[in-house]
Amino acid sequence: MDLDFLLQYINLITLGICLCIGYAFKKIDKFNNQYIPAVMLLLGTIINVLVNIPNINMAVILGGMISGLASTGLYEAMRNLLEKDGKKEDSENDE
């Protein structure tokens, strides 16, 4: 199933805000990490609705939801990329 059509709904401002707030939640020890995607989904929806107040429709709501969830995926991709690079550098220095 090709989900590329969903990319047109991503709002970069909403994605960036959710990424930063999600990172802050990740660093809070008392916040359970399993709830971060759900919180980002809600936060992305709220931000996108507030930005588009005069023209709220289902596309705006979908865009907020996708942007919020995409922020968690972007965080994980960046973390995996940085960890992979860090491990390569450490193994090269050991030789």
N, C-alpha and C. Protein backbone atom coordinates (compact mmCIF):
# COMPACT_ATOMS: atom_id res chain seq x y z
N MET A 1 0.85 -1.18 0.00
CA MET A 1 0.00 0.00 0.00
C MET A 1 0.89 1.24 0.00
N ASP A 2 0.65 2.12 -0.93
CA ASP A 2 1.46 3.32 -1.08
C ASP A 2 0.83 4.47 -0.28
N LEU A 3 1.55 4.98 0.69
CA LEU A 3 1.04 6.05 1.55
C LEU A 3 1.69 7.40 1.24
N ASP A 4 2.29 7.53 0.07
CA ASP A 4 2.96 8.78 -0.29
C ASP A 4 2.02 9.97 -0.35
N PHE A 5 0.75 9.75 -0.62
CA PHE A 5 -0.20 10.85 -0.69
C PHE A 5 -0.35 11.56 0.65
N LEU A 6 -0.01 10.89 1.75
CA LEU A 6 -0.12 11.51 3.07
C LEU A 6 0.94 12.59 3.29
N LEU A 7 2.03 12.52 2.54
CA LEU A 7 3.10 13.51 2.70
C LEU A 7 2.64 14.92 2.38
N GLN A 8 1.64 15.07 1.52
CA GLN A 8 1.16 16.40 1.18
C GLN A 8 0.46 17.09 2.36
N TYR A 9 0.09 16.34 3.37
CA TYR A 9 -0.61 16.91 4.52
C TYR A 9 0.34 17.35 5.64
N ILE A 10 1.61 17.02 5.55
CA ILE A 10 2.55 17.38 6.62
C ILE A 10 2.79 18.87 6.61
N ASN A 11 2.65 19.48 7.78
CA ASN A 11 2.92 20.89 7.99
C ASN A 11 4.26 20.98 8.72
N LEU A 12 5.26 21.60 8.10
CA LEU A 12 6.60 21.62 8.67
C LEU A 12 6.68 22.38 9.99
N ILE A 13 5.91 23.44 10.14
CA ILE A 13 5.91 24.20 11.39
C ILE A 13 5.37 23.32 12.53
N THR A 14 4.25 22.67 12.29
CA THR A 14 3.67 21.78 13.29
C THR A 14 4.62 20.63 13.61
N LEU A 15 5.24 20.07 12.58
CA LEU A 15 6.19 18.98 12.77
C LEU A 15 7.36 19.43 13.64
N GLY A 16 7.90 20.61 13.36
CA GLY A 16 9.04 21.12 14.14
C GLY A 16 8.69 21.38 15.59
N ILE A 17 7.53 21.98 15.83
CA ILE A 17 7.10 22.26 17.20
C ILE A 17 6.90 20.94 17.96
N CYS A 18 6.23 19.99 17.34
CA CYS A 18 6.00 18.70 17.98
C CYS A 18 7.31 17.96 18.23
N LEU A 19 8.26 18.08 17.31
CA LEU A 19 9.56 17.43 17.48
C LEU A 19 10.27 17.97 18.71
N CYS A 20 10.26 19.29 18.87
CA CYS A 20 10.93 19.91 20.02
C CYS A 20 10.24 19.56 21.34
N ILE A 21 8.92 19.61 21.35
CA ILE A 21 8.18 19.30 22.58
C ILE A 21 8.29 17.80 22.90
N GLY A 22 8.24 16.96 21.88
CA GLY A 22 8.41 15.52 22.10
C GLY A 22 9.79 15.20 22.65
N TYR A 23 10.81 15.92 22.17
CA TYR A 23 12.16 15.72 22.70
C TYR A 23 12.22 16.10 24.18
N ALA A 24 11.54 17.19 24.53
CA ALA A 24 11.50 17.61 25.94
C ALA A 24 10.80 16.56 26.80
N PHE A 25 9.68 16.02 26.30
CA PHE A 25 8.99 14.95 27.03
C PHE A 25 9.89 13.72 27.19
N LYS A 26 10.67 13.42 26.16
CA LYS A 26 11.56 12.25 26.21
C LYS A 26 12.60 12.40 27.32
N LYS A 27 13.02 13.63 27.60
CA LYS A 27 14.04 13.87 28.60
C LYS A 27 13.49 13.96 30.02
N ILE A 28 12.15 14.02 30.16
CA ILE A 28 11.52 14.03 31.48
C ILE A 28 11.43 12.59 31.97
N ASP A 29 12.10 12.30 33.06
CA ASP A 29 12.14 10.92 33.56
C ASP A 29 10.79 10.42 34.03
N LYS A 30 9.95 11.29 34.56
CA LYS A 30 8.67 10.87 35.13
C LYS A 30 7.58 10.70 34.08
N PHE A 31 7.85 11.11 32.84
CA PHE A 31 6.85 10.97 31.76
C PHE A 31 7.08 9.64 31.06
N ASN A 32 6.04 8.84 30.94
CA ASN A 32 6.13 7.52 30.32
C ASN A 32 6.26 7.68 28.80
N ASN A 33 7.32 7.17 28.23
CA ASN A 33 7.62 7.33 26.81
C ASN A 33 6.58 6.71 25.88
N GLN A 34 5.82 5.75 26.36
CA GLN A 34 4.83 5.10 25.50
C GLN A 34 3.69 6.04 25.13
N TYR A 35 3.52 7.14 25.87
CA TYR A 35 2.44 8.08 25.59
C TYR A 35 2.85 9.22 24.66
N ILE A 36 4.12 9.31 24.33
CA ILE A 36 4.60 10.43 23.51
C ILE A 36 3.91 10.46 22.13
N PRO A 37 3.78 9.35 21.40
CA PRO A 37 3.08 9.46 20.10
C PRO A 37 1.64 9.97 20.22
N ALA A 38 0.92 9.52 21.22
CA ALA A 38 -0.46 9.98 21.39
C ALA A 38 -0.51 11.46 21.74
N VAL A 39 0.40 11.91 22.59
CA VAL A 39 0.45 13.32 22.96
C VAL A 39 0.82 14.17 21.75
N MET A 40 1.76 13.70 20.92
CA MET A 40 2.16 14.45 19.74
C MET A 40 1.03 14.49 18.71
N LEU A 41 0.25 13.40 18.60
CA LEU A 41 -0.91 13.40 17.72
C LEU A 41 -1.89 14.48 18.14
N LEU A 42 -2.20 14.55 19.44
CA LEU A 42 -3.13 15.56 19.93
C LEU A 42 -2.56 16.97 19.80
N LEU A 43 -1.30 17.13 20.15
CA LEU A 43 -0.66 18.44 20.08
C LEU A 43 -0.57 18.93 18.64
N GLY A 44 -0.21 18.04 17.73
CA GLY A 44 -0.14 18.40 16.31
C GLY A 44 -1.49 18.85 15.78
N THR A 45 -2.53 18.15 16.18
CA THR A 45 -3.89 18.51 15.76
C THR A 45 -4.27 19.88 16.30
N ILE A 46 -4.01 20.12 17.58
CA ILE A 46 -4.36 21.40 18.20
C ILE A 46 -3.59 22.55 17.54
N ILE A 47 -2.29 22.36 17.32
CA ILE A 47 -1.48 23.42 16.70
C ILE A 47 -1.98 23.72 15.30
N ASN A 48 -2.23 22.68 14.51
CA ASN A 48 -2.67 22.90 13.14
C ASN A 48 -4.04 23.56 13.08
N VAL A 49 -4.93 23.20 13.99
CA VAL A 49 -6.25 23.84 14.04
C VAL A 49 -6.11 25.31 14.43
N LEU A 50 -5.25 25.61 15.41
CA LEU A 50 -5.07 27.00 15.83
C LEU A 50 -4.46 27.86 14.71
N VAL A 51 -3.55 27.29 13.96
CA VAL A 51 -2.92 28.03 12.87
C VAL A 51 -3.91 28.31 11.75
N ASN A 52 -4.85 27.41 11.55
CA ASN A 52 -5.81 27.52 10.44
C ASN A 52 -7.23 27.83 10.91
N ILE A 53 -7.36 28.62 11.97
CA ILE A 53 -8.68 28.86 12.58
C ILE A 53 -9.76 29.29 11.57
N PRO A 54 -9.53 30.19 10.67
CA PRO A 54 -10.66 30.55 9.81
C PRO A 54 -11.07 29.44 8.83
N ASN A 55 -10.17 28.55 8.49
CA ASN A 55 -10.45 27.54 7.46
C ASN A 55 -10.27 26.12 7.99
N ILE A 56 -10.91 25.79 9.07
CA ILE A 56 -10.75 24.46 9.65
C ILE A 56 -11.60 23.46 8.86
N ASN A 57 -10.94 22.41 8.38
CA ASN A 57 -11.64 21.33 7.71
C ASN A 57 -10.93 20.02 8.05
N MET A 58 -11.37 18.95 7.46
CA MET A 58 -10.80 17.64 7.79
C MET A 58 -9.34 17.52 7.34
N ALA A 59 -8.97 18.21 6.27
CA ALA A 59 -7.58 18.18 5.81
C ALA A 59 -6.66 18.83 6.83
N VAL A 60 -7.12 19.88 7.49
CA VAL A 60 -6.32 20.55 8.53
C VAL A 60 -6.14 19.62 9.72
N ILE A 61 -7.19 18.94 10.11
CA ILE A 61 -7.11 18.00 11.23
C ILE A 61 -6.19 16.83 10.89
N LEU A 62 -6.35 16.27 9.69
CA LEU A 62 -5.48 15.18 9.24
C LEU A 62 -4.03 15.63 9.18
N GLY A 63 -3.79 16.84 8.68
CA GLY A 63 -2.43 17.37 8.60
C GLY A 63 -1.80 17.49 9.97
N GLY A 64 -2.56 17.93 10.95
CA GLY A 64 -2.03 18.04 12.31
C GLY A 64 -1.71 16.69 12.90
N MET A 65 -2.58 15.73 12.68
CA MET A 65 -2.35 14.39 13.21
C MET A 65 -1.12 13.76 12.58
N ILE A 66 -1.01 13.86 11.26
CA ILE A 66 0.13 13.27 10.56
C ILE A 66 1.42 13.98 10.96
N SER A 67 1.39 15.30 11.07
CA SER A 67 2.60 16.05 11.45
C SER A 67 3.05 15.68 12.86
N GLY A 68 2.12 15.54 13.78
CA GLY A 68 2.46 15.15 15.15
C GLY A 68 3.08 13.77 15.21
N LEU A 69 2.47 12.82 14.50
CA LEU A 69 3.02 11.46 14.49
C LEU A 69 4.34 11.39 13.73
N ALA A 70 4.46 12.18 12.68
CA ALA A 70 5.71 12.19 11.91
C ALA A 70 6.86 12.72 12.75
N SER A 71 6.55 13.60 13.71
CA SER A 71 7.62 14.12 14.56
C SER A 71 8.24 13.02 15.41
N THR A 72 7.43 12.06 15.85
CA THR A 72 8.00 10.95 16.63
C THR A 72 8.85 10.05 15.73
N GLY A 73 8.41 9.82 14.52
CA GLY A 73 9.19 9.03 13.58
C GLY A 73 10.48 9.72 13.19
N LEU A 74 10.43 11.03 13.01
CA LEU A 74 11.63 11.79 12.67
C LEU A 74 12.63 11.75 13.82
N TYR A 75 12.14 11.86 15.04
CA TYR A 75 13.03 11.77 16.20
C TYR A 75 13.74 10.42 16.24
N GLU A 76 12.98 9.35 16.05
CA GLU A 76 13.56 8.01 16.09
C GLU A 76 14.57 7.81 14.97
N ALA A 77 14.26 8.32 13.78
CA ALA A 77 15.19 8.19 12.65
C ALA A 77 16.49 8.95 12.93
N MET A 78 16.38 10.15 13.47
CA MET A 78 17.57 10.94 13.79
C MET A 78 18.38 10.26 14.89
N ARG A 79 17.71 9.74 15.89
CA ARG A 79 18.40 9.06 17.00
C ARG A 79 19.15 7.83 16.49
N ASN A 80 18.49 7.05 15.65
CA ASN A 80 19.14 5.85 15.11
C ASN A 80 20.32 6.21 14.22
N LEU A 81 20.18 7.26 13.45
CA LEU A 81 21.27 7.70 12.58
C LEU A 81 22.46 8.18 13.40
N LEU A 82 22.20 8.95 14.44
CA LEU A 82 23.28 9.46 15.28
C LEU A 82 23.95 8.35 16.08
N GLU A 83 23.17 7.40 16.58
CA GLU A 83 23.74 6.27 17.32
C GLU A 83 24.59 5.41 16.40
N LYS A 84 24.14 5.19 15.19
CA LYS A 84 24.89 4.38 14.25
C LYS A 84 26.22 5.06 13.93
N ASP A 85 26.21 6.37 13.69
CA ASP A 85 27.44 7.10 13.41
C ASP A 85 28.36 7.10 14.62
N GLY A 86 27.81 7.24 15.81
CA GLY A 86 28.62 7.25 17.02
C GLY A 86 29.30 5.91 17.24
N LYS A 87 28.60 4.82 16.97
CA LYS A 87 29.19 3.49 17.15
C LYS A 87 30.30 3.24 16.13
N LYS A 88 30.12 3.73 14.91
CA LYS A 88 31.16 3.57 13.90
C LYS A 88 32.42 4.32 14.31
N GLU A 89 32.24 5.54 14.82
CA GLU A 89 33.39 6.34 15.23
C GLU A 89 34.11 5.67 16.41
N ASP A 90 33.35 5.13 17.36
CA ASP A 90 33.96 4.49 18.52
C ASP A 90 34.76 3.25 18.11
N SER A 91 34.22 2.46 17.18
CA SER A 91 34.92 1.24 16.77
C SER A 91 36.17 1.58 15.97
N GLU A 92 36.16 2.69 15.22
CA GLU A 92 37.33 3.09 14.46
C GLU A 92 38.44 3.58 15.41
N ASN A 93 38.05 4.24 16.49
CA ASN A 93 39.04 4.76 17.44
C ASN A 93 39.68 3.65 18.27
N ASP A 94 38.99 2.51 18.40
CA ASP A 94 39.51 1.40 19.20
C ASP A 94 40.69 0.70 18.52
N GLU A 95 40.75 0.79 17.21
CA GLU A 95 41.80 0.06 16.47
C GLU A 95 43.16 0.65 16.61
